[in-house]
Every structure is written in C-alpha cells, then in structure tokens.
Amino acid sequence: MCGAHAAVRSLVKEMVDQYDRPTVVDMEAGLEHLSRGTTRNVDCLLAVIEPYFKSMETGARVCELAKELGIQKVFGVANKVRHAEDEKALHEFCERRHVELLGFIPYDEALLEAERAGVAPLDYDRTSLAVLAIADLAQKMTNSNSLPLEVDAVVD
C-alpha cells in the first residue's frame, strides 16, 4: 500500500499546486492515509463522523492527528444523523474532544436507493434531505463571509 499512498500523495500535491480550484478527495475511513502522509499537502480536512462510539472515536483521532501533522483547518462533519439524540451525542462528544463540527447530514434512505440504482445521490434525488444538507455544507465552505477557507480535501 505504500506505493498507492505515494501515488495519491503526489497527485494531491500536483492538483493543489497547479490548479486554482478546490480539490476534494474522498479517502477511506481511518488513520492510515494520515500516518502515510497521503494528506500532507491539503489545506483543509473534514472527518466524517457517524453517531456511534467507534466512529466518533476514530473521527476525533483523525482530527487530532491531522492537527499534529500541521493541517490548519480540521473539522468534523456529522453524518447519518437520525434524531435529536444523535445530534446531542455528537455535539457533546465533539465538544469534549475539541472537534469543531462544521455541519450535520441527516440519515436519508434516498442515499441507499441511489446506491442500489448505481447513480449519484444528486442525480437520483436532488431534493433529498442529505443532498440538500451537503449542498448547504458546500455553500458554507465556499462562502468566504461565513467560513474563511477553500476546500482541498475531504476524508471519509
């Protein structure tokens, strides 16, 4: 896997250096891409965190390691949030672990249906709750008035 990580690391660096546009990279969940330096050249990292303990722990650790590696803009994004208790648990956990939550994406059956149909969620149902929440998150990230950053990587 070292070769694969080196290739992705080089590709990300080239994209960040040569293009004046955000680059979004969806990486496998976990810490390996951080420990192997795959995210070395990113400006921003999003850790997608689901409302169960193992995911929250992994997300917090990803955020900690990303900051230790010098990534300046590190945020959590809550995913598959089903109800107020999920949202409360995520808020409380992230507050204790000093993870700044950037947004919440609700659990949405439309995403499963899109996966079964083999199409992107946006193409399947652009009015689904999750698609709308992701669009809001993207708008928030690119609106310099609300959040001063340009996205270069998304880690899931």
N, C-alpha and C. Protein backbone atom coordinates (compact mmCIF):
# COMPACT_ATOMS: atom_id res chain seq x y z
N MET A 1 0.81 -1.22 0.00
CA MET A 1 0.00 0.00 0.00
C MET A 1 0.85 1.26 0.00
N CYS A 2 2.13 1.15 0.34
CA CYS A 2 2.97 2.35 0.35
C CYS A 2 2.98 3.03 -1.01
N GLY A 3 3.06 2.23 -2.08
CA GLY A 3 3.08 2.79 -3.43
C GLY A 3 1.79 3.51 -3.77
N ALA A 4 0.68 2.94 -3.38
CA ALA A 4 -0.61 3.56 -3.64
C ALA A 4 -0.73 4.89 -2.91
N HIS A 5 -0.30 4.91 -1.65
CA HIS A 5 -0.36 6.16 -0.88
C HIS A 5 0.58 7.21 -1.47
N ALA A 6 1.76 6.79 -1.91
CA ALA A 6 2.71 7.72 -2.52
C ALA A 6 2.12 8.31 -3.80
N ALA A 7 1.46 7.48 -4.59
CA ALA A 7 0.86 7.97 -5.84
C ALA A 7 -0.24 8.99 -5.55
N VAL A 8 -1.12 8.68 -4.60
CA VAL A 8 -2.19 9.62 -4.26
C VAL A 8 -1.61 10.90 -3.67
N ARG A 9 -0.61 10.77 -2.81
CA ARG A 9 0.04 11.95 -2.22
C ARG A 9 0.60 12.86 -3.32
N SER A 10 1.26 12.27 -4.31
CA SER A 10 1.83 13.06 -5.41
C SER A 10 0.74 13.71 -6.25
N LEU A 11 -0.32 12.97 -6.51
CA LEU A 11 -1.43 13.50 -7.29
C LEU A 11 -2.08 14.68 -6.57
N VAL A 12 -2.33 14.54 -5.27
CA VAL A 12 -2.93 15.63 -4.49
C VAL A 12 -2.03 16.85 -4.52
N LYS A 13 -0.73 16.66 -4.32
CA LYS A 13 0.21 17.78 -4.35
C LYS A 13 0.19 18.50 -5.69
N GLU A 14 0.21 17.72 -6.77
CA GLU A 14 0.17 18.32 -8.10
C GLU A 14 -1.11 19.10 -8.33
N MET A 15 -2.24 18.56 -7.91
CA MET A 15 -3.52 19.25 -8.10
C MET A 15 -3.58 20.54 -7.29
N VAL A 16 -3.10 20.49 -6.06
CA VAL A 16 -3.12 21.67 -5.20
C VAL A 16 -2.18 22.74 -5.75
N ASP A 17 -1.00 22.31 -6.22
CA ASP A 17 -0.01 23.26 -6.72
C ASP A 17 -0.39 23.88 -8.07
N GLN A 18 -1.04 23.12 -8.94
CA GLN A 18 -1.23 23.57 -10.31
C GLN A 18 -2.61 24.17 -10.62
N TYR A 19 -3.58 23.89 -9.79
CA TYR A 19 -4.92 24.35 -10.10
C TYR A 19 -5.42 25.32 -9.05
N ASP A 20 -6.08 26.36 -9.53
CA ASP A 20 -6.62 27.37 -8.62
C ASP A 20 -8.09 27.08 -8.33
N ARG A 21 -8.37 25.80 -8.03
CA ARG A 21 -9.73 25.36 -7.72
C ARG A 21 -9.67 24.38 -6.56
N PRO A 22 -10.73 24.31 -5.80
CA PRO A 22 -10.74 23.31 -4.72
C PRO A 22 -10.63 21.89 -5.28
N THR A 23 -9.91 21.05 -4.54
CA THR A 23 -9.77 19.65 -4.88
C THR A 23 -10.36 18.85 -3.73
N VAL A 24 -11.29 17.99 -4.01
CA VAL A 24 -11.94 17.18 -2.98
C VAL A 24 -11.49 15.74 -3.17
N VAL A 25 -10.98 15.15 -2.11
CA VAL A 25 -10.53 13.77 -2.14
C VAL A 25 -11.28 13.01 -1.06
N ASP A 26 -11.98 11.97 -1.44
CA ASP A 26 -12.71 11.13 -0.50
C ASP A 26 -11.84 9.91 -0.21
N MET A 27 -11.31 9.85 0.99
CA MET A 27 -10.41 8.76 1.35
C MET A 27 -11.09 7.77 2.29
N GLU A 28 -10.53 6.59 2.33
CA GLU A 28 -11.04 5.53 3.18
C GLU A 28 -11.05 5.97 4.65
N ALA A 29 -12.04 5.52 5.38
CA ALA A 29 -12.12 5.86 6.80
C ALA A 29 -10.92 5.28 7.54
N GLY A 30 -10.45 6.00 8.53
CA GLY A 30 -9.34 5.51 9.35
C GLY A 30 -8.17 6.45 9.35
N LEU A 31 -7.07 5.99 9.94
CA LEU A 31 -5.90 6.82 10.17
C LEU A 31 -4.77 6.60 9.18
N GLU A 32 -4.85 5.53 8.37
CA GLU A 32 -3.72 5.15 7.54
C GLU A 32 -3.28 6.25 6.58
N HIS A 33 -4.22 6.93 5.95
CA HIS A 33 -3.86 7.98 4.99
C HIS A 33 -3.11 9.12 5.67
N LEU A 34 -3.39 9.34 6.94
CA LEU A 34 -2.66 10.37 7.69
C LEU A 34 -1.27 9.87 8.09
N SER A 35 -1.19 8.65 8.59
CA SER A 35 0.10 8.12 9.03
C SER A 35 1.06 7.92 7.87
N ARG A 36 0.55 7.72 6.67
CA ARG A 36 1.40 7.54 5.49
C ARG A 36 1.65 8.84 4.73
N GLY A 37 1.12 9.94 5.24
CA GLY A 37 1.38 11.23 4.62
C GLY A 37 0.58 11.52 3.36
N THR A 38 -0.46 10.75 3.10
CA THR A 38 -1.26 10.94 1.89
C THR A 38 -1.91 12.32 1.88
N THR A 39 -2.24 12.84 3.05
CA THR A 39 -2.91 14.14 3.14
C THR A 39 -1.93 15.28 3.43
N ARG A 40 -0.66 15.04 3.22
CA ARG A 40 0.39 16.00 3.56
C ARG A 40 0.17 17.39 2.97
N ASN A 41 -0.37 17.50 1.78
CA ASN A 41 -0.45 18.78 1.08
C ASN A 41 -1.83 19.44 1.09
N VAL A 42 -2.71 19.00 1.96
CA VAL A 42 -4.06 19.58 1.97
C VAL A 42 -4.13 20.80 2.87
N ASP A 43 -5.06 21.68 2.55
CA ASP A 43 -5.30 22.88 3.35
C ASP A 43 -6.37 22.66 4.39
N CYS A 44 -7.29 21.74 4.10
CA CYS A 44 -8.44 21.52 4.97
C CYS A 44 -8.78 20.04 4.97
N LEU A 45 -9.15 19.54 6.12
CA LEU A 45 -9.54 18.14 6.23
C LEU A 45 -10.87 18.05 6.95
N LEU A 46 -11.78 17.28 6.38
CA LEU A 46 -13.07 17.01 7.01
C LEU A 46 -13.09 15.55 7.42
N ALA A 47 -13.38 15.31 8.67
CA ALA A 47 -13.55 13.94 9.16
C ALA A 47 -15.04 13.69 9.29
N VAL A 48 -15.53 12.72 8.55
CA VAL A 48 -16.95 12.39 8.59
C VAL A 48 -17.18 11.46 9.78
N ILE A 49 -18.07 11.88 10.66
CA ILE A 49 -18.29 11.18 11.93
C ILE A 49 -19.75 10.77 12.04
N GLU A 50 -19.96 9.48 12.28
CA GLU A 50 -21.32 8.98 12.45
C GLU A 50 -21.64 8.85 13.94
N PRO A 51 -22.92 8.84 14.31
CA PRO A 51 -23.31 8.92 15.72
C PRO A 51 -23.24 7.59 16.47
N TYR A 52 -22.11 6.92 16.37
CA TYR A 52 -21.86 5.77 17.22
C TYR A 52 -20.41 5.84 17.69
N PHE A 53 -20.12 5.22 18.82
CA PHE A 53 -18.89 5.47 19.54
C PHE A 53 -17.63 5.23 18.72
N LYS A 54 -17.53 4.10 18.04
CA LYS A 54 -16.31 3.80 17.28
C LYS A 54 -16.05 4.87 16.22
N SER A 55 -17.07 5.29 15.53
CA SER A 55 -16.92 6.32 14.52
C SER A 55 -16.52 7.65 15.15
N MET A 56 -17.15 8.00 16.27
CA MET A 56 -16.80 9.25 16.94
C MET A 56 -15.35 9.22 17.42
N GLU A 57 -14.93 8.11 18.01
CA GLU A 57 -13.54 7.97 18.47
C GLU A 57 -12.56 8.09 17.31
N THR A 58 -12.85 7.38 16.22
CA THR A 58 -11.97 7.44 15.05
C THR A 58 -11.94 8.85 14.48
N GLY A 59 -13.09 9.48 14.37
CA GLY A 59 -13.14 10.85 13.86
C GLY A 59 -12.34 11.82 14.71
N ALA A 60 -12.46 11.70 16.02
CA ALA A 60 -11.69 12.57 16.92
C ALA A 60 -10.20 12.33 16.76
N ARG A 61 -9.81 11.07 16.63
CA ARG A 61 -8.39 10.74 16.45
C ARG A 61 -7.87 11.26 15.12
N VAL A 62 -8.68 11.15 14.07
CA VAL A 62 -8.30 11.70 12.77
C VAL A 62 -8.05 13.20 12.90
N CYS A 63 -8.95 13.90 13.57
CA CYS A 63 -8.79 15.35 13.75
C CYS A 63 -7.53 15.68 14.55
N GLU A 64 -7.30 14.94 15.62
CA GLU A 64 -6.09 15.16 16.43
C GLU A 64 -4.83 14.96 15.61
N LEU A 65 -4.75 13.85 14.90
CA LEU A 65 -3.57 13.54 14.10
C LEU A 65 -3.38 14.55 12.98
N ALA A 66 -4.46 14.96 12.34
CA ALA A 66 -4.37 15.95 11.27
C ALA A 66 -3.77 17.25 11.80
N LYS A 67 -4.22 17.68 12.97
CA LYS A 67 -3.66 18.90 13.58
C LYS A 67 -2.19 18.70 13.93
N GLU A 68 -1.84 17.54 14.48
CA GLU A 68 -0.44 17.24 14.81
C GLU A 68 0.44 17.28 13.56
N LEU A 69 -0.13 16.90 12.42
CA LEU A 69 0.62 16.88 11.16
C LEU A 69 0.67 18.25 10.49
N GLY A 70 0.05 19.25 11.11
CA GLY A 70 0.14 20.61 10.61
C GLY A 70 -0.97 21.05 9.68
N ILE A 71 -2.02 20.26 9.54
CA ILE A 71 -3.16 20.71 8.74
C ILE A 71 -3.89 21.76 9.56
N GLN A 72 -4.00 22.95 9.02
CA GLN A 72 -4.51 24.09 9.78
C GLN A 72 -6.03 24.08 9.98
N LYS A 73 -6.74 23.62 8.99
CA LYS A 73 -8.21 23.66 9.05
C LYS A 73 -8.73 22.24 9.11
N VAL A 74 -9.19 21.84 10.29
CA VAL A 74 -9.66 20.48 10.53
C VAL A 74 -11.04 20.56 11.17
N PHE A 75 -12.00 19.87 10.55
CA PHE A 75 -13.37 19.92 11.03
C PHE A 75 -13.99 18.53 11.01
N GLY A 76 -15.02 18.37 11.82
CA GLY A 76 -15.84 17.17 11.76
C GLY A 76 -17.13 17.49 11.03
N VAL A 77 -17.66 16.49 10.34
CA VAL A 77 -18.97 16.59 9.71
C VAL A 77 -19.78 15.40 10.20
N ALA A 78 -20.88 15.68 10.85
CA ALA A 78 -21.74 14.61 11.37
C ALA A 78 -22.54 14.02 10.22
N ASN A 79 -22.58 12.70 10.16
CA ASN A 79 -23.26 12.01 9.06
C ASN A 79 -24.24 10.98 9.62
N LYS A 80 -25.29 10.73 8.86
CA LYS A 80 -26.32 9.74 9.21
C LYS A 80 -26.98 10.05 10.55
N VAL A 81 -27.27 11.31 10.77
CA VAL A 81 -27.92 11.76 11.99
C VAL A 81 -29.41 11.48 11.87
N ARG A 82 -29.93 10.62 12.76
CA ARG A 82 -31.33 10.18 12.67
C ARG A 82 -32.29 11.02 13.50
N HIS A 83 -31.86 11.51 14.64
CA HIS A 83 -32.78 12.23 15.51
C HIS A 83 -31.99 13.14 16.46
N ALA A 84 -32.72 13.86 17.29
CA ALA A 84 -32.12 14.85 18.19
C ALA A 84 -31.11 14.21 19.15
N GLU A 85 -31.35 12.96 19.57
CA GLU A 85 -30.41 12.30 20.48
C GLU A 85 -29.05 12.07 19.80
N ASP A 86 -29.06 11.72 18.50
CA ASP A 86 -27.81 11.57 17.75
C ASP A 86 -27.07 12.89 17.70
N GLU A 87 -27.81 13.94 17.38
CA GLU A 87 -27.19 15.26 17.27
C GLU A 87 -26.60 15.70 18.61
N LYS A 88 -27.34 15.46 19.69
CA LYS A 88 -26.85 15.82 21.03
C LYS A 88 -25.59 15.03 21.38
N ALA A 89 -25.59 13.73 21.12
CA ALA A 89 -24.42 12.89 21.41
C ALA A 89 -23.20 13.36 20.63
N LEU A 90 -23.40 13.69 19.37
CA LEU A 90 -22.29 14.16 18.54
C LEU A 90 -21.76 15.50 19.05
N HIS A 91 -22.66 16.43 19.36
CA HIS A 91 -22.25 17.73 19.91
C HIS A 91 -21.43 17.55 21.19
N GLU A 92 -21.95 16.78 22.11
CA GLU A 92 -21.28 16.60 23.40
C GLU A 92 -19.92 15.91 23.24
N PHE A 93 -19.86 14.86 22.45
CA PHE A 93 -18.60 14.15 22.24
C PHE A 93 -17.57 15.08 21.59
N CYS A 94 -17.98 15.76 20.52
CA CYS A 94 -17.04 16.62 19.81
C CYS A 94 -16.57 17.79 20.67
N GLU A 95 -17.45 18.30 21.49
CA GLU A 95 -17.05 19.37 22.39
C GLU A 95 -15.98 18.88 23.38
N ARG A 96 -16.20 17.69 23.94
CA ARG A 96 -15.21 17.11 24.87
C ARG A 96 -13.87 16.86 24.20
N ARG A 97 -13.89 16.47 22.93
CA ARG A 97 -12.67 16.11 22.21
C ARG A 97 -12.12 17.25 21.36
N HIS A 98 -12.70 18.44 21.49
CA HIS A 98 -12.24 19.64 20.78
C HIS A 98 -12.26 19.46 19.26
N VAL A 99 -13.35 18.86 18.78
CA VAL A 99 -13.58 18.71 17.35
C VAL A 99 -14.64 19.73 16.96
N GLU A 100 -14.30 20.61 16.04
CA GLU A 100 -15.27 21.60 15.57
C GLU A 100 -16.15 20.97 14.51
N LEU A 101 -17.45 20.89 14.80
CA LEU A 101 -18.40 20.33 13.85
C LEU A 101 -18.83 21.41 12.85
N LEU A 102 -18.68 21.10 11.59
CA LEU A 102 -18.99 22.05 10.54
C LEU A 102 -20.43 21.92 10.06
N GLY A 103 -21.01 20.73 10.20
CA GLY A 103 -22.38 20.55 9.74
C GLY A 103 -22.91 19.17 10.06
N PHE A 104 -24.20 18.99 9.81
CA PHE A 104 -24.90 17.74 10.07
C PHE A 104 -25.59 17.27 8.80
N ILE A 105 -25.38 16.01 8.46
CA ILE A 105 -26.06 15.41 7.32
C ILE A 105 -27.01 14.35 7.87
N PRO A 106 -28.29 14.48 7.58
CA PRO A 106 -29.25 13.53 8.15
C PRO A 106 -29.17 12.16 7.48
N TYR A 107 -29.58 11.14 8.23
CA TYR A 107 -29.75 9.82 7.63
C TYR A 107 -30.84 9.97 6.58
N ASP A 108 -30.63 9.38 5.42
CA ASP A 108 -31.57 9.58 4.33
C ASP A 108 -31.63 8.31 3.48
N GLU A 109 -32.79 7.67 3.45
CA GLU A 109 -32.99 6.46 2.65
C GLU A 109 -32.70 6.70 1.17
N ALA A 110 -32.85 7.92 0.72
CA ALA A 110 -32.61 8.22 -0.70
C ALA A 110 -31.17 7.91 -1.09
N LEU A 111 -30.24 8.02 -0.15
CA LEU A 111 -28.84 7.69 -0.46
C LEU A 111 -28.67 6.20 -0.70
N LEU A 112 -29.36 5.39 0.11
CA LEU A 112 -29.32 3.94 -0.10
C LEU A 112 -29.97 3.57 -1.42
N GLU A 113 -31.08 4.21 -1.74
CA GLU A 113 -31.77 3.93 -3.00
C GLU A 113 -30.90 4.32 -4.19
N ALA A 114 -30.21 5.44 -4.09
CA ALA A 114 -29.30 5.88 -5.16
C ALA A 114 -28.17 4.87 -5.34
N GLU A 115 -27.64 4.38 -4.24
CA GLU A 115 -26.57 3.37 -4.29
C GLU A 115 -27.07 2.11 -4.99
N ARG A 116 -28.25 1.65 -4.61
CA ARG A 116 -28.83 0.46 -5.25
C ARG A 116 -29.05 0.67 -6.75
N ALA A 117 -29.40 1.88 -7.12
CA ALA A 117 -29.66 2.20 -8.53
C ALA A 117 -28.35 2.46 -9.29
N GLY A 118 -27.25 2.60 -8.56
CA GLY A 118 -25.96 2.83 -9.21
C GLY A 118 -25.78 4.23 -9.75
N VAL A 119 -26.43 5.19 -9.11
CA VAL A 119 -26.30 6.58 -9.55
C VAL A 119 -25.91 7.47 -8.37
N ALA A 120 -25.37 8.62 -8.68
CA ALA A 120 -25.01 9.58 -7.64
C ALA A 120 -26.27 10.09 -6.95
N PRO A 121 -26.21 10.32 -5.65
CA PRO A 121 -27.39 10.83 -4.94
C PRO A 121 -27.95 12.11 -5.55
N LEU A 122 -27.10 12.98 -6.03
CA LEU A 122 -27.55 14.22 -6.65
C LEU A 122 -28.37 13.95 -7.90
N ASP A 123 -27.97 12.93 -8.67
CA ASP A 123 -28.72 12.57 -9.87
C ASP A 123 -29.99 11.79 -9.55
N TYR A 124 -29.99 11.09 -8.43
CA TYR A 124 -31.14 10.29 -8.04
C TYR A 124 -32.27 11.15 -7.49
N ASP A 125 -31.93 12.05 -6.56
CA ASP A 125 -32.95 12.90 -5.95
C ASP A 125 -32.28 14.15 -5.38
N ARG A 126 -32.24 15.18 -6.19
CA ARG A 126 -31.54 16.39 -5.75
C ARG A 126 -32.29 17.16 -4.66
N THR A 127 -33.49 16.69 -4.30
CA THR A 127 -34.24 17.34 -3.21
C THR A 127 -34.22 16.51 -1.92
N SER A 128 -33.44 15.43 -1.90
CA SER A 128 -33.39 14.62 -0.68
C SER A 128 -32.76 15.42 0.45
N LEU A 129 -33.10 15.07 1.68
CA LEU A 129 -32.59 15.82 2.84
C LEU A 129 -31.07 15.81 2.91
N ALA A 130 -30.45 14.67 2.64
CA ALA A 130 -28.99 14.58 2.70
C ALA A 130 -28.34 15.41 1.60
N VAL A 131 -28.86 15.34 0.40
CA VAL A 131 -28.30 16.12 -0.71
C VAL A 131 -28.40 17.61 -0.40
N LEU A 132 -29.53 18.05 0.13
CA LEU A 132 -29.68 19.46 0.49
C LEU A 132 -28.72 19.86 1.60
N ALA A 133 -28.51 18.98 2.59
CA ALA A 133 -27.59 19.28 3.68
C ALA A 133 -26.15 19.37 3.16
N ILE A 134 -25.79 18.48 2.24
CA ILE A 134 -24.45 18.51 1.65
C ILE A 134 -24.26 19.78 0.83
N ALA A 135 -25.28 20.18 0.09
CA ALA A 135 -25.21 21.43 -0.68
C ALA A 135 -25.03 22.62 0.25
N ASP A 136 -25.74 22.63 1.37
CA ASP A 136 -25.58 23.70 2.36
C ASP A 136 -24.16 23.72 2.92
N LEU A 137 -23.63 22.54 3.20
CA LEU A 137 -22.26 22.44 3.72
C LEU A 137 -21.26 22.97 2.69
N ALA A 138 -21.43 22.59 1.43
CA ALA A 138 -20.53 23.08 0.37
C ALA A 138 -20.62 24.59 0.25
N GLN A 139 -21.83 25.12 0.32
CA GLN A 139 -22.01 26.57 0.25
C GLN A 139 -21.33 27.25 1.43
N LYS A 140 -21.49 26.69 2.60
CA LYS A 140 -20.86 27.25 3.80
C LYS A 140 -19.34 27.27 3.66
N MET A 141 -18.79 26.21 3.09
CA MET A 141 -17.35 26.11 2.97
C MET A 141 -16.78 27.05 1.92
N THR A 142 -17.53 27.35 0.89
CA THR A 142 -17.02 28.21 -0.18
C THR A 142 -17.41 29.66 -0.04
N ASN A 143 -18.26 29.98 0.92
CA ASN A 143 -18.68 31.36 1.16
C ASN A 143 -17.69 32.01 2.12
N SER A 144 -16.85 32.86 1.61
CA SER A 144 -15.80 33.45 2.44
C SER A 144 -16.35 34.32 3.56
N ASN A 145 -17.63 34.73 3.46
CA ASN A 145 -18.21 35.53 4.54
C ASN A 145 -18.53 34.69 5.77
N SER A 146 -18.84 33.41 5.58
CA SER A 146 -19.22 32.59 6.73
C SER A 146 -18.10 31.69 7.23
N LEU A 147 -17.16 31.32 6.37
CA LEU A 147 -16.07 30.44 6.79
C LEU A 147 -14.87 30.69 5.88
N PRO A 148 -13.81 31.25 6.41
CA PRO A 148 -12.67 31.63 5.56
C PRO A 148 -11.77 30.44 5.22
N LEU A 149 -12.21 29.63 4.26
CA LEU A 149 -11.34 28.53 3.82
C LEU A 149 -11.70 28.12 2.42
N GLU A 150 -10.75 27.51 1.77
CA GLU A 150 -11.01 26.87 0.49
C GLU A 150 -10.73 25.40 0.68
N VAL A 151 -11.62 24.55 0.24
CA VAL A 151 -11.51 23.11 0.45
C VAL A 151 -10.52 22.49 -0.51
N ASP A 152 -9.63 21.66 0.02
CA ASP A 152 -8.72 20.90 -0.82
C ASP A 152 -8.83 19.41 -0.58
N ALA A 153 -9.43 18.96 0.51
CA ALA A 153 -9.56 17.51 0.73
C ALA A 153 -10.73 17.21 1.64
N VAL A 154 -11.39 16.15 1.33
CA VAL A 154 -12.43 15.62 2.20
C VAL A 154 -12.06 14.19 2.50
N VAL A 155 -12.04 13.85 3.78
CA VAL A 155 -11.70 12.49 4.17
C VAL A 155 -12.94 11.86 4.78
N ASP A 156 -13.26 10.71 4.29
CA ASP A 156 -14.42 10.00 4.80
C ASP A 156 -13.98 8.66 5.35
